[in-house]
Protein backbone atom coordinates (compact mmCIF):
# COMPACT_ATOMS: atom_id res chain seq x y z
CA MET A 1 -1.62 15.30 1.84
CA ARG A 2 -5.04 14.06 0.77
CA LEU A 3 -5.37 11.94 -2.37
CA LEU A 4 -7.73 9.64 -4.23
CA ALA A 5 -6.42 6.25 -5.39
CA ILE A 6 -8.09 4.19 -8.13
CA ASP A 7 -7.47 0.63 -9.31
CA THR A 8 -9.26 -1.18 -12.14
CA ALA A 9 -6.23 -2.97 -13.61
CA LEU A 10 -7.17 -6.53 -12.68
CA GLU A 11 -10.00 -8.38 -10.92
CA ALA A 12 -11.22 -5.56 -8.69
CA CYS A 13 -12.76 -2.13 -8.93
CA ALA A 14 -11.35 -0.15 -6.02
CA ALA A 15 -10.86 3.35 -4.70
CA ALA A 16 -9.53 4.89 -1.50
CA VAL A 17 -9.02 8.31 0.04
CA PHE A 18 -5.70 8.75 1.84
CA ASP A 19 -5.06 11.62 4.26
CA SER A 20 -1.58 11.86 5.77
CA GLU A 21 -2.75 14.30 8.46
CA ARG A 22 -5.42 11.85 9.63
CA GLY A 23 -3.17 8.80 9.75
CA GLY A 24 -3.64 7.23 6.32
CA ILE A 25 -6.68 5.62 4.71
CA ILE A 26 -9.91 7.33 5.77
CA ALA A 27 -12.26 5.60 3.31
CA SER A 28 -11.95 2.74 0.84
CA GLU A 29 -13.98 0.19 -1.08
CA SER A 30 -12.98 -2.73 -3.30
CA LEU A 31 -15.39 -4.80 -5.37
CA PRO A 32 -14.16 -8.11 -6.84
CA MET A 33 -14.96 -8.21 -10.57
CA LYS A 34 -13.48 -9.43 -13.84
CA ARG A 35 -15.53 -7.08 -16.03
CA GLY A 36 -17.96 -4.21 -15.59
CA HIS A 37 -15.41 -1.72 -14.22
CA ALA A 38 -16.70 1.09 -16.44
CA GLU A 39 -20.17 0.93 -14.92
CA ALA A 40 -18.98 0.41 -11.34
CA LEU A 41 -16.10 2.85 -10.95
CA MET A 42 -17.64 6.32 -10.74
CA PRO A 43 -20.46 5.34 -8.34
CA LEU A 44 -17.81 3.62 -6.19
CA VAL A 45 -15.60 6.75 -6.24
CA ALA A 46 -18.60 8.85 -5.22
CA ARG A 47 -19.33 6.56 -2.27
CA VAL A 48 -15.71 6.64 -1.09
CA MET A 49 -15.51 10.42 -1.38
CA ASP A 50 -18.77 10.78 0.56
CA GLU A 51 -17.56 8.42 3.29
CA ALA A 52 -14.36 10.46 3.59
CA HIS A 53 -16.35 13.74 3.63
CA ALA A 54 -13.97 14.89 0.91
CA GLU A 55 -14.32 17.19 -2.08
CA PHE A 56 -12.35 16.76 -5.28
CA ALA A 57 -10.99 20.31 -4.89
CA GLU A 58 -9.38 19.23 -1.59
CA LEU A 59 -7.28 16.49 -3.21
CA ALA A 60 -3.56 17.02 -3.73
CA ARG A 61 -3.37 14.35 -6.43
CA ILE A 62 -5.19 11.42 -8.05
CA VAL A 63 -3.34 8.10 -8.20
CA VAL A 64 -4.13 5.21 -10.56
CA THR A 65 -2.64 1.85 -11.49
CA VAL A 66 -1.40 1.88 -15.10
CA GLY A 67 -0.61 -1.81 -15.58
CA PRO A 68 0.23 -4.31 -16.60
CA GLY A 69 -3.28 -5.67 -16.45
CA SER A 70 -6.54 -5.88 -18.36
CA PHE A 71 -6.53 -3.70 -21.47
CA THR A 72 -10.12 -2.58 -20.87
CA GLY A 73 -9.72 -2.18 -17.12
CA LEU A 74 -6.63 -0.03 -17.48
CA ARG A 75 -8.35 2.33 -19.89
CA VAL A 76 -11.30 2.72 -17.52
CA GLY A 77 -9.19 3.63 -14.49
CA ILE A 78 -6.73 5.87 -16.31
CA SER A 79 -9.48 7.75 -18.14
CA ALA A 80 -11.32 8.36 -14.86
CA ALA A 81 -8.17 9.52 -13.07
CA ARG A 82 -7.21 11.88 -15.86
CA GLY A 83 -10.74 13.26 -16.06
CA ILE A 84 -10.93 13.91 -12.31
CA ALA A 85 -7.46 15.46 -12.38
CA LEU A 86 -8.40 17.78 -15.24
CA ALA A 87 -11.67 18.84 -13.62
CA SER A 88 -10.05 19.50 -10.23
CA ASN A 89 -6.82 20.98 -11.65
CA ARG A 90 -4.72 18.43 -9.80
CA PRO A 91 -1.94 16.10 -11.02
CA ALA A 92 -2.66 12.46 -11.85
CA ILE A 93 0.06 9.95 -10.90
CA GLY A 94 0.43 6.52 -12.52
CA LEU A 95 1.70 3.52 -10.55
CA SER A 96 2.78 0.06 -11.70
CA THR A 97 0.47 -2.79 -10.72
CA LEU A 98 3.53 -4.96 -10.08
CA ALA A 99 4.97 -2.39 -7.64
CA ALA A 100 1.60 -2.23 -5.88
CA TYR A 101 1.70 -5.99 -5.35
CA ALA A 102 5.23 -5.83 -3.96
CA ALA A 103 4.79 -2.76 -1.73
CA PRO A 104 3.46 -4.37 1.49
CA HIS A 105 6.15 -7.05 1.37
CA VAL A 106 8.92 -4.50 0.78
CA ALA A 107 7.62 -2.56 3.78
CA ALA A 108 7.64 -5.69 5.96
CA ASP A 109 11.08 -6.96 4.89
CA GLU A 110 13.51 -4.80 2.94
CA THR A 111 16.09 -7.57 2.49
CA THR A 112 14.20 -10.38 0.73
CA ALA A 113 13.76 -10.52 -3.05
CA ILE A 114 10.20 -10.34 -4.36
CA VAL A 115 8.83 -11.58 -7.67
CA ALA A 116 5.54 -9.92 -8.59
CA ALA A 117 3.72 -11.87 -11.31
CA ILE A 118 0.46 -11.24 -13.16
CA ASP A 119 -1.27 -13.65 -15.53
CA ALA A 120 -0.68 -12.65 -19.15
CA ARG A 121 -2.43 -15.78 -20.51
CA HIS A 122 -1.12 -18.30 -23.06
CA GLY A 123 1.46 -19.62 -20.58
CA GLN A 124 3.00 -16.21 -19.99
CA VAL A 125 3.21 -13.77 -17.10
CA TYR A 126 4.01 -10.13 -16.60
CA PHE A 127 6.66 -10.05 -13.91
CA GLN A 128 9.19 -7.87 -12.14
CA VAL A 129 11.81 -8.72 -9.53
CA PHE A 130 12.40 -6.38 -6.61
CA GLY A 131 15.42 -6.46 -4.31
CA GLY A 132 16.17 -4.87 -0.95
CA GLY A 133 14.39 -1.59 -0.37
CA GLY A 134 12.19 -2.17 -3.41
CA ARG A 135 14.92 -1.54 -5.99
CA THR A 136 14.33 -3.20 -9.36
CA LEU A 137 16.49 -6.25 -10.10
CA VAL A 138 14.58 -7.36 -13.21
CA PRO A 139 12.46 -4.68 -14.93
CA PRO A 140 8.83 -5.31 -15.91
CA ARG A 141 8.48 -7.73 -18.81
CA VAL A 142 6.19 -10.32 -20.33
CA ALA A 143 7.72 -13.79 -20.59
CA PRO A 144 6.98 -17.50 -20.28
CA ILE A 145 6.23 -18.68 -16.74
CA ARG A 146 9.51 -20.62 -16.66
CA ASP A 147 11.43 -17.32 -16.95
CA ALA A 148 9.70 -16.03 -13.83
CA VAL A 149 10.52 -19.31 -12.08
CA ARG A 150 14.21 -18.96 -12.94
CA ALA A 151 14.19 -15.40 -11.63
CA ALA A 152 12.52 -16.52 -8.41
CA MET A 153 15.05 -19.31 -7.89
CA ALA A 154 18.03 -16.95 -7.95
CA SER A 155 17.71 -16.33 -4.19
CA PRO A 156 15.23 -16.92 -1.34
CA THR A 157 12.18 -15.19 -2.76
CA LEU A 158 8.60 -14.16 -2.09
CA ILE A 159 6.21 -14.62 -5.02
CA VAL A 160 3.17 -12.35 -5.10
CA GLY A 161 0.46 -11.42 -7.58
CA SER A 162 -2.38 -13.01 -9.49
CA ALA A 163 0.00 -15.48 -11.19
CA ALA A 164 1.89 -16.48 -8.03
CA GLU A 165 0.32 -19.95 -7.92
CA ALA A 166 1.07 -20.50 -11.61
CA VAL A 167 4.73 -19.73 -10.95
CA ARG A 168 4.81 -22.11 -7.99
CA ALA A 169 3.16 -24.85 -10.08
CA GLU A 170 6.19 -24.79 -12.41
CA TRP A 171 8.69 -24.99 -9.54
CA PRO A 172 11.27 -27.76 -10.18
CA ALA A 173 11.01 -30.79 -7.92
CA GLY A 174 13.75 -31.00 -5.32
CA GLU A 175 14.53 -27.26 -5.36
CA PRO A 176 14.07 -25.20 -2.16
CA PRO A 177 10.55 -23.75 -2.30
CA PRO A 178 9.82 -20.01 -2.31
CA LEU A 179 9.54 -18.35 1.10
CA LEU A 180 5.98 -17.21 0.48
CA VAL A 181 3.38 -17.45 -2.27
CA ASN A 182 0.61 -14.84 -2.07
CA ALA A 183 -1.83 -15.05 -4.99
CA GLN A 184 -4.11 -12.02 -4.68
CA PRO A 185 -6.41 -11.36 -7.67
CA ALA A 186 -5.70 -7.61 -7.32
CA PRO A 187 -3.33 -5.44 -5.26
CA ASP A 188 -4.47 -3.80 -2.03
CA ILE A 189 -5.94 -0.36 -2.75
CA ALA A 190 -4.59 0.92 0.57
CA TRP A 191 -1.03 0.22 -0.57
CA ILE A 192 -1.70 1.84 -3.93
CA ALA A 193 -2.72 4.97 -2.03
CA ARG A 194 0.38 4.84 0.17
CA LEU A 195 2.64 4.44 -2.86
CA GLY A 196 0.87 7.37 -4.48
CA ALA A 197 1.52 9.57 -1.48
CA ALA A 198 5.24 8.76 -1.64
CA ALA A 199 5.58 9.06 -5.44
CA ALA A 200 7.35 12.02 -7.00
CA ALA A 201 5.06 14.58 -8.59
CA THR A 202 5.03 14.73 -12.39
CA ASP A 203 3.35 16.74 -15.12
CA VAL A 204 3.17 13.70 -17.41
CA PRO A 205 -0.36 12.22 -17.53
CA PRO A 206 -0.55 8.50 -16.66
CA ARG A 207 -0.50 6.13 -19.63
CA PRO A 208 -1.14 2.39 -19.83
CA LEU A 209 1.80 0.06 -19.26
CA TYR A 210 0.73 -2.77 -21.55
CA LEU A 211 4.05 -4.64 -22.15
CA GLN A 212 2.43 -6.50 -25.05
CA ALA A 213 -0.09 -5.94 -27.84
CA PRO A 214 -3.76 -6.86 -27.30
CA ASP A 215 -4.99 -10.31 -28.36
CA ALA A 216 -7.84 -8.88 -30.39
CA LYS A 217 -6.79 -7.81 -33.87
CA PRO A 218 -8.94 -6.61 -36.77
CA GLN A 219 -9.63 -9.20 -39.46
CA ASP A 220 -8.25 -8.37 -42.89
CA ALA A 221 -11.66 -9.01 -44.46
CA ALA A 222 -13.20 -6.40 -42.19
CA ARG A 223 -10.78 -3.64 -43.17
CA LEU A 224 -12.23 -0.78 -45.16
CA PRO A 225 -10.39 0.15 -48.34
CA ARG A 226 -8.36 3.36 -48.22
CA GLN A 227 -9.81 6.21 -50.25
């Protein structure tokens, strides 16, 4: 299977081409960035496809992170993935950003619990708890940081994701510390591609997993009167 993976959910603009017959990732690029994904993504995809000597018609599927993450970033990546899928008549597969964070740790140790946490601002995090084999113990949710701390304290735990350090900062004094804290600003695009290769095929187009409403809301004074 050959696929294209895309990630613009958080603080990176990334793409990779995965080819199972050639041993995995054959081309990838990840640019750290907090904004500007819309301008950077398609030129980056073109470079990765050229490096892989791949054509869109050769792809079996297009994989994209659907959140939680940046509202703008998610729309950029999902729109690109759906557009490429439509043009190449291939399925587009959506993957959770939280699962992408957890994936390499699940692969390395299938017995230890993992808390994946992403900054949701205002003292909150998006988080999910994974158990042995990657099964979900606590489904994705947005909650105060202290809720993620309580979930992480339930058993010896790894904490991963952009908010991992924020979770550790709230750790109660005197309690056994987490086994590992890995605060990456964005998940590894290679693992997003690997998850995409293993994901079940679906005819449902990827949609954003927001978990909460956007901060920006229209002002009442700016609303136009209904006709």
